[in-house]
Each structure stands twice: as C-alpha cells, then as structure tokens.
Amino acid sequence: MRFKSLLIAAAFATAGLCGQAFAAQKVRIGTEGAYPPFNQVDSKGNITGFDVDIAKALCAAAKLDCTIVTQDWDGIIPALNARKFDAIAASMSITEARKKAVDFTDPYYTNKLQFVAPKTSTFSPDQLKGKVLGAQRATIAGTWLEQHAKGAQIKLYDTQENAYLDLAAGRLDAILADKFVNYAWLKSDAGKDFEFKGKPVFNNDKIAIAVRKGDTSLREKLNAALKVILADGTYKKINEKYFPFSIY
C-alpha cells in the first residue's frame, strides 16, 4: 500500500510539472488608454479599442496569457524597459529613434498624418506660417510640425484629447494627427464642425507592437500570431468594427 501511495504521489507530481511546462506564458501589455478609437478606458473602467482588440487576438493566436495595462504616453517606453510590462500596443509608429530603445514586430496597420481645422476655416497645409498648430507630444505628428511648420506657433499636448479640446475651444487654427484618429473624432459631436484640410502630409507611417530590445522570442510569437489573424479573418473583423475601410 505504501509503495502504491508513493506511485500515486509521483504521478500527481509529474502531472503538476507537466502542467507547469505547458502553462501559457504570462505577458503584460501596455497601452495609453487615451487615444480613441485605438485605445481608451470606458465608463466602466474597461480598456478597449482597436489596439486592445488586436493585442487580445494576437495573444489568443499565440496562446499567451495576456493582461492589458495603461501607461501615460510620455513614459510608455521607459516603463517597458523598466519591465513594468512586456510589450506596447498603443499605435506606436516605427521610427529610427525608437528602434534604438525597443524592438518592433511587423506592422499591424499603416497610418497617415492629416490636418483638421474648422469647416469655416480657410486653413491650408501649404500656408502654415503664423498659424497656431497643435499635436500630441512625442509623436511623429509633433515631430513633423517641428521640422516643417516654420514660422508657426506649435503647441504640444500630453494627450490627443487635450489637443482636440483646444481646437474646439478656438485656441488652435488646426491640429495634425493620425488620420484614423481624426476620422473617429470628426464623426463625434465634438468634431462635427471640423473637417480634414488638404491631403495627408505623411502617408507611410507603419504601426507596430514594441518589445524590449533582444526579446526575440516574444517578437517572433507576435509576428507569427499576426499572420494567423490576418489569414483566418480575425483581423478583418476587428478592422470592420472600427472602420468601414481597411487600415492594414
């Protein structure tokens, strides 16, 4: 009986070890939570949006046990490198400067930058001198303004929402932001009196998930998962939930 009990105990121990071996990898994913419709916190405290849905779909396809957390945009890369989370899914553009601090997955959508101004305005992207222009801080929109809007007054904001508030209040002549974020805002009550002005000033902004430098394992798992959700229709369903056109 004692020998039999030992065998049973050993079997349970082995099963426990196997369970641990096949347990899903736990991954924490950071997002801003203030960039609708890509990431935001709803009235019930839930983190939602296109970035969040894509991240969850990637985790499911890669069989990862993921938790989504929020982090202010300005500190999101330092927080990743401080190991507060393992990846960033926050509509982050791939730039040469950022590639020095993080590694990126394959892009999961392509963005454009376009100005928005009041419908009654004669604002033109070809005449920026003397204008008061806004963008979110630490974004390619802000960088574009600093490099190209010579003679304009540039105001940079901690969140995109605060930039929209100043535009709506008449404190800005126009803002430059991601076209798809602007698209969603223009459909809202707050944006009904505004419109796109001119053509996009930048067309090939690739958006990807960031991981810590050297985290090849997680990056490859996410890349493989992206191929899966593109092939099985999951990506298309998420895209159609937010936009009537493809943003991939």
Foldseek 3Di string as FASTA:
>chain_A
DVVVVVVVVVVVVVVVVVCVVPQAAEFEEEEAQFQPQAWHQDPVRDIHHLLVLLVVLLCVLLVHRYDYDYDQPVCPLVCQVVPVGFKYRYQAFDDPVVVVFWDWAFFPFWWFKFKKAFPPDPDAPVDLAAFEEEDAPPHVQLVCCVVPNPNHHYDHHSGPVVRLVCRLVVVGRIYMDTPLSLVVVCPDPSNVRMDTHDDTPGTGTTGTMTGGPPPVVVSVSSNVSSVVCVVVVVSVVSQVVRDPDDRD
